[in-house]
Amino acid sequence: MAGATAAVVLVTLAVTVTAGGGTPVAATVTGPALTLTGMRDTYEIPRAGSPVRDDAPGEYRIGLTAREPHPVVTDVQVSIDLTALKDEVHLVRVDKGHRCGMTGRVMTCTVDVDRSAAFTPFALAPRPGAVPGPAGAMTVTVTGPGTPTVRHTTQVVVGAPAVAGR
């Protein structure tokens, strides 16, 4: 999944046309590009009373970068599908500053990317009695006006101790 983490998505439409005397002319039309940056493949949520780390909720951070020739992309929709996590975890904080809201088990945030943007859309904590180990996967889908869709899947693990510096 490392390819998805470093995915640079750029839509280029190359068209060959003929001009006047049949000489081929190449025309390139380029649209905005968004890249997900710093996405984690595994998101560990500490259990209450963990000896390694306190029981603070686990925050999930999303980074976006807009590439030239369009370094500003407004009204980018970031959807995070938490359906597969079922009843193992629950939301304890939602970022209202990036217009984040829930519909069922899908969170959607609206972000303006001026070269780059980073935000923490939510924090998760394990539900009482949650079984330590894999809790499921969540999928992040990013769409913006005139940009191709970018996706990333992160595995959520309950009870994994945090590593210093993460």
C-alpha atoms as a PDB file:
ATOM      1  CA  MET A   1       0.000   0.000   0.000  1.00  0.00           C
ATOM      2  CA  ALA A   2       3.087   2.240  -0.001  1.00  0.00           C
ATOM      3  CA  GLY A   3       2.207   3.214  -3.565  1.00  0.00           C
ATOM      4  CA  ALA A   4      -1.080   4.706  -2.371  1.00  0.00           C
ATOM      5  CA  THR A   5       0.721   6.657   0.350  1.00  0.00           C
ATOM      6  CA  ALA A   6       3.055   8.318  -2.106  1.00  0.00           C
ATOM      7  CA  ALA A   7       0.522   8.514  -4.923  1.00  0.00           C
ATOM      8  CA  VAL A   8       0.835  11.674  -6.946  1.00  0.00           C
ATOM      9  CA  VAL A   9      -2.224  11.994  -9.049  1.00  0.00           C
ATOM     10  CA  LEU A  10      -2.027  14.199 -12.108  1.00  0.00           C
ATOM     11  CA  VAL A  11      -4.535  14.155 -14.911  1.00  0.00           C
ATOM     12  CA  THR A  12      -2.957  14.833 -18.257  1.00  0.00           C
ATOM     13  CA  LEU A  13      -4.857  14.616 -21.478  1.00  0.00           C
ATOM     14  CA  ALA A  14      -2.504  14.390 -24.418  1.00  0.00           C
ATOM     15  CA  VAL A  15      -4.092  15.030 -27.780  1.00  0.00           C
ATOM     16  CA  THR A  16      -2.457  14.903 -31.170  1.00  0.00           C
ATOM     17  CA  VAL A  17      -4.061  17.119 -33.770  1.00  0.00           C
ATOM     18  CA  THR A  18      -3.068  18.121 -37.241  1.00  0.00           C
ATOM     19  CA  ALA A  19      -2.529  21.717 -38.217  1.00  0.00           C
ATOM     20  CA  GLY A  20      -2.781  23.168 -41.719  1.00  0.00           C
ATOM     21  CA  GLY A  21      -0.538  20.927 -43.831  1.00  0.00           C
ATOM     22  CA  GLY A  22      -1.054  17.776 -41.744  1.00  0.00           C
ATOM     23  CA  THR A  23       1.853  18.409 -39.387  1.00  0.00           C
ATOM     24  CA  PRO A  24       1.080  16.762 -36.026  1.00  0.00           C
ATOM     25  CA  VAL A  25       0.850  19.170 -33.106  1.00  0.00           C
ATOM     26  CA  ALA A  26       0.817  17.895 -29.526  1.00  0.00           C
ATOM     27  CA  ALA A  27      -1.480  19.663 -27.092  1.00  0.00           C
ATOM     28  CA  THR A  28      -1.463  18.959 -23.363  1.00  0.00           C
ATOM     29  CA  VAL A  29      -4.262  19.874 -20.996  1.00  0.00           C
ATOM     30  CA  THR A  30      -3.345  19.600 -17.317  1.00  0.00           C
ATOM     31  CA  GLY A  31      -5.707  19.690 -14.328  1.00  0.00           C
ATOM     32  CA  PRO A  32      -5.182  20.145 -10.601  1.00  0.00           C
ATOM     33  CA  ALA A  33      -3.480  17.378  -8.645  1.00  0.00           C
ATOM     34  CA  LEU A  34      -3.862  16.390  -5.011  1.00  0.00           C
ATOM     35  CA  THR A  35      -1.562  14.125  -3.032  1.00  0.00           C
ATOM     36  CA  LEU A  36      -2.269  12.483   0.304  1.00  0.00           C
ATOM     37  CA  THR A  37       0.837  12.955   2.453  1.00  0.00           C
ATOM     38  CA  GLY A  38       1.988  11.262   5.645  1.00  0.00           C
ATOM     39  CA  MET A  39      -0.847   8.748   5.593  1.00  0.00           C
ATOM     40  CA  ARG A  40      -0.413   5.877   8.010  1.00  0.00           C
ATOM     41  CA  ASP A  41      -1.014   2.282   6.970  1.00  0.00           C
ATOM     42  CA  THR A  42      -1.746   1.335  10.599  1.00  0.00           C
ATOM     43  CA  TYR A  43      -3.523   3.485  13.164  1.00  0.00           C
ATOM     44  CA  GLU A  44      -3.038   2.306  16.738  1.00  0.00           C
ATOM     45  CA  ILE A  45      -5.565   3.239  19.401  1.00  0.00           C
ATOM     46  CA  PRO A  46      -4.281   2.755  22.972  1.00  0.00           C
ATOM     47  CA  ARG A  47      -6.486   0.890  25.453  1.00  0.00           C
ATOM     48  CA  ALA A  48      -7.542   2.491  28.706  1.00  0.00           C
ATOM     49  CA  GLY A  49      -4.910   2.004  31.387  1.00  0.00           C
ATOM     50  CA  SER A  50      -2.149   1.115  28.926  1.00  0.00           C
ATOM     51  CA  PRO A  51       1.207   1.091  30.786  1.00  0.00           C
ATOM     52  CA  VAL A  52       2.972   2.436  27.696  1.00  0.00           C
ATOM     53  CA  ARG A  53       0.735   5.421  27.064  1.00  0.00           C
ATOM     54  CA  ASP A  54      -2.204   7.012  28.827  1.00  0.00           C
ATOM     55  CA  ASP A  55      -5.700   6.364  27.589  1.00  0.00           C
ATOM     56  CA  ALA A  56      -5.903   9.531  25.512  1.00  0.00           C
ATOM     57  CA  PRO A  57      -7.902   9.055  22.325  1.00  0.00           C
ATOM     58  CA  GLY A  58      -5.936   8.253  19.196  1.00  0.00           C
ATOM     59  CA  GLU A  59      -5.906  11.095  16.686  1.00  0.00           C
ATOM     60  CA  TYR A  60      -5.761  10.446  12.946  1.00  0.00           C
ATOM     61  CA  ARG A  61      -3.963  13.060  10.848  1.00  0.00           C
ATOM     62  CA  ILE A  62      -4.506  13.688   7.137  1.00  0.00           C
ATOM     63  CA  GLY A  63      -2.163  15.756   4.950  1.00  0.00           C
ATOM     64  CA  LEU A  64      -2.971  17.044   1.480  1.00  0.00           C
ATOM     65  CA  THR A  65      -0.698  18.735  -1.046  1.00  0.00           C
ATOM     66  CA  ALA A  66      -1.816  20.543  -4.189  1.00  0.00           C
ATOM     67  CA  ARG A  67       0.645  20.389  -7.080  1.00  0.00           C
ATOM     68  CA  GLU A  68       1.463  22.929  -9.755  1.00  0.00           C
ATOM     69  CA  PRO A  69       0.093  24.312 -11.994  1.00  0.00           C
ATOM     70  CA  HIS A  70      -2.883  24.593  -9.589  1.00  0.00           C
ATOM     71  CA  PRO A  71      -1.442  24.976  -6.068  1.00  0.00           C
ATOM     72  CA  VAL A  72      -4.825  26.027  -4.661  1.00  0.00           C
ATOM     73  CA  VAL A  73      -7.817  23.666  -4.717  1.00  0.00           C
ATOM     74  CA  THR A  74     -10.936  24.724  -2.823  1.00  0.00           C
ATOM     75  CA  ASP A  75     -13.856  22.681  -1.546  1.00  0.00           C
ATOM     76  CA  VAL A  76     -11.925  19.411  -1.403  1.00  0.00           C
ATOM     77  CA  GLN A  77     -14.130  16.648   0.016  1.00  0.00           C
ATOM     78  CA  VAL A  78     -12.400  14.197   2.363  1.00  0.00           C
ATOM     79  CA  SER A  79     -14.576  11.203   3.272  1.00  0.00           C
ATOM     80  CA  ILE A  80     -13.526   8.657   5.880  1.00  0.00           C
ATOM     81  CA  ASP A  81     -15.552   5.439   5.889  1.00  0.00           C
ATOM     82  CA  LEU A  82     -15.551   4.012   9.428  1.00  0.00           C
ATOM     83  CA  THR A  83     -18.169   1.325   8.697  1.00  0.00           C
ATOM     84  CA  ALA A  84     -15.767  -1.623   9.029  1.00  0.00           C
ATOM     85  CA  LEU A  85     -14.787  -0.568  12.562  1.00  0.00           C
ATOM     86  CA  LYS A  86     -18.258  -1.544  13.821  1.00  0.00           C
ATOM     87  CA  ASP A  87     -18.561  -1.400  17.573  1.00  0.00           C
ATOM     88  CA  GLU A  88     -14.883  -1.677  18.536  1.00  0.00           C
ATOM     89  CA  VAL A  89     -14.225   2.081  18.636  1.00  0.00           C
ATOM     90  CA  HIS A  90     -16.146   5.321  18.987  1.00  0.00           C
ATOM     91  CA  LEU A  91     -15.574   8.960  18.074  1.00  0.00           C
ATOM     92  CA  VAL A  92     -14.564  11.167  20.974  1.00  0.00           C
ATOM     93  CA  ARG A  93     -13.761  14.334  19.016  1.00  0.00           C
ATOM     94  CA  VAL A  94     -14.824  15.699  15.605  1.00  0.00           C
ATOM     95  CA  ASP A  95     -13.008  18.589  13.891  1.00  0.00           C
ATOM     96  CA  LYS A  96     -15.702  21.189  13.221  1.00  0.00           C
ATOM     97  CA  GLY A  97     -13.121  23.689  11.885  1.00  0.00           C
ATOM     98  CA  HIS A  98     -12.800  21.768   8.628  1.00  0.00           C
ATOM     99  CA  ARG A  99     -16.543  21.384   8.298  1.00  0.00           C
ATOM    100  CA  CYS A 100     -16.436  17.734   9.378  1.00  0.00           C
ATOM    101  CA  GLY A 101     -19.659  15.891  10.031  1.00  0.00           C
ATOM    102  CA  MET A 102     -20.995  12.355  10.224  1.00  0.00           C
ATOM    103  CA  THR A 103     -23.635  10.664   8.106  1.00  0.00           C
ATOM    104  CA  GLY A 104     -24.094   7.159   9.433  1.00  0.00           C
ATOM    105  CA  ARG A 105     -20.557   5.755   9.780  1.00  0.00           C
ATOM    106  CA  VAL A 106     -18.982   8.047   7.148  1.00  0.00           C
ATOM    107  CA  MET A 107     -17.310  11.321   8.120  1.00  0.00           C
ATOM    108  CA  THR A 108     -16.990  14.023   5.466  1.00  0.00           C
ATOM    109  CA  CYS A 109     -14.821  17.128   5.790  1.00  0.00           C
ATOM    110  CA  THR A 110     -14.493  20.056   3.395  1.00  0.00           C
ATOM    111  CA  VAL A 111     -10.972  21.446   3.133  1.00  0.00           C
ATOM    112  CA  ASP A 112      -9.363  24.237   1.129  1.00  0.00           C
ATOM    113  CA  VAL A 113      -5.828  23.299   0.059  1.00  0.00           C
ATOM    114  CA  ASP A 114      -3.513  26.255  -0.492  1.00  0.00           C
ATOM    115  CA  ARG A 115      -0.378  24.348  -1.492  1.00  0.00           C
ATOM    116  CA  SER A 116      -0.887  22.064   1.517  1.00  0.00           C
ATOM    117  CA  ALA A 117      -3.294  21.361   4.341  1.00  0.00           C
ATOM    118  CA  ALA A 118      -3.052  19.117   7.372  1.00  0.00           C
ATOM    119  CA  PHE A 119      -5.812  18.377   9.830  1.00  0.00           C
ATOM    120  CA  THR A 120      -6.991  15.850  12.386  1.00  0.00           C
ATOM    121  CA  PRO A 121     -10.621  15.108  11.486  1.00  0.00           C
ATOM    122  CA  PHE A 122     -11.337  12.992  14.559  1.00  0.00           C
ATOM    123  CA  ALA A 123     -10.036  11.110  17.539  1.00  0.00           C
ATOM    124  CA  LEU A 124     -11.079   7.525  18.254  1.00  0.00           C
ATOM    125  CA  ALA A 125     -11.096   5.586  21.502  1.00  0.00           C
ATOM    126  CA  PRO A 126     -11.840   1.908  22.079  1.00  0.00           C
ATOM    127  CA  ARG A 127     -15.274   1.040  23.412  1.00  0.00           C
ATOM    128  CA  PRO A 128     -15.373  -0.632  26.821  1.00  0.00           C
ATOM    129  CA  GLY A 129     -14.729  -4.330  26.335  1.00  0.00           C
ATOM    130  CA  ALA A 130     -13.188  -3.875  22.875  1.00  0.00           C
ATOM    131  CA  VAL A 131     -11.033  -6.850  21.982  1.00  0.00           C
ATOM    132  CA  PRO A 132      -7.348  -5.917  21.544  1.00  0.00           C
ATOM    133  CA  GLY A 133      -6.072  -6.402  18.010  1.00  0.00           C
ATOM    134  CA  PRO A 134      -7.291  -5.521  14.521  1.00  0.00           C
ATOM    135  CA  ALA A 135     -10.566  -3.581  14.609  1.00  0.00           C
ATOM    136  CA  GLY A 136     -11.026  -3.199  10.848  1.00  0.00           C
ATOM    137  CA  ALA A 137     -10.027  -0.853   8.065  1.00  0.00           C
ATOM    138  CA  MET A 138     -11.075   2.675   7.280  1.00  0.00           C
ATOM    139  CA  THR A 139     -10.899   4.165   3.810  1.00  0.00           C
ATOM    140  CA  VAL A 140     -10.108   7.807   3.084  1.00  0.00           C
ATOM    141  CA  THR A 141     -11.437   9.139  -0.244  1.00  0.00           C
ATOM    142  CA  VAL A 142     -10.448  12.598  -1.488  1.00  0.00           C
ATOM    143  CA  THR A 143     -12.213  14.418  -4.316  1.00  0.00           C
ATOM    144  CA  GLY A 144     -11.950  17.995  -5.471  1.00  0.00           C
ATOM    145  CA  PRO A 145     -13.270  20.147  -8.280  1.00  0.00           C
ATOM    146  CA  GLY A 146     -11.518  19.034 -11.457  1.00  0.00           C
ATOM    147  CA  THR A 147      -9.242  16.575  -9.621  1.00  0.00           C
ATOM    148  CA  PRO A 148      -9.116  12.804  -9.849  1.00  0.00           C
ATOM    149  CA  THR A 149     -10.173  10.751  -6.822  1.00  0.00           C
ATOM    150  CA  VAL A 150      -7.428   9.675  -4.393  1.00  0.00           C
ATOM    151  CA  ARG A 151      -7.921   6.818  -1.869  1.00  0.00           C
ATOM    152  CA  HIS A 152      -6.005   5.363   1.050  1.00  0.00           C
ATOM    153  CA  THR A 153      -6.888   2.479   3.380  1.00  0.00           C
ATOM    154  CA  THR A 154      -5.635   2.352   6.961  1.00  0.00           C
ATOM    155  CA  GLN A 155      -5.860  -0.664   9.278  1.00  0.00           C
ATOM    156  CA  VAL A 156      -7.082   0.224  12.781  1.00  0.00           C
ATOM    157  CA  VAL A 157      -5.627  -1.718  15.734  1.00  0.00           C
ATOM    158  CA  VAL A 158      -6.968  -1.481  19.295  1.00  0.00           C
ATOM    159  CA  GLY A 159      -4.547  -1.816  22.166  1.00  0.00           C
ATOM    160  CA  ALA A 160      -1.275  -1.523  20.308  1.00  0.00           C
ATOM    161  CA  PRO A 161       1.286   0.361  22.376  1.00  0.00           C
ATOM    162  CA  ALA A 162       2.453   3.593  20.841  1.00  0.00           C
ATOM    163  CA  VAL A 163       6.067   3.893  19.791  1.00  0.00           C
ATOM    164  CA  ALA A 164       7.908   6.922  21.141  1.00  0.00           C
ATOM    165  CA  GLY A 165       8.044   9.737  18.623  1.00  0.00           C
ATOM    166  CA  ARG A 166       4.876   8.767  16.726  1.00  0.00           C
END
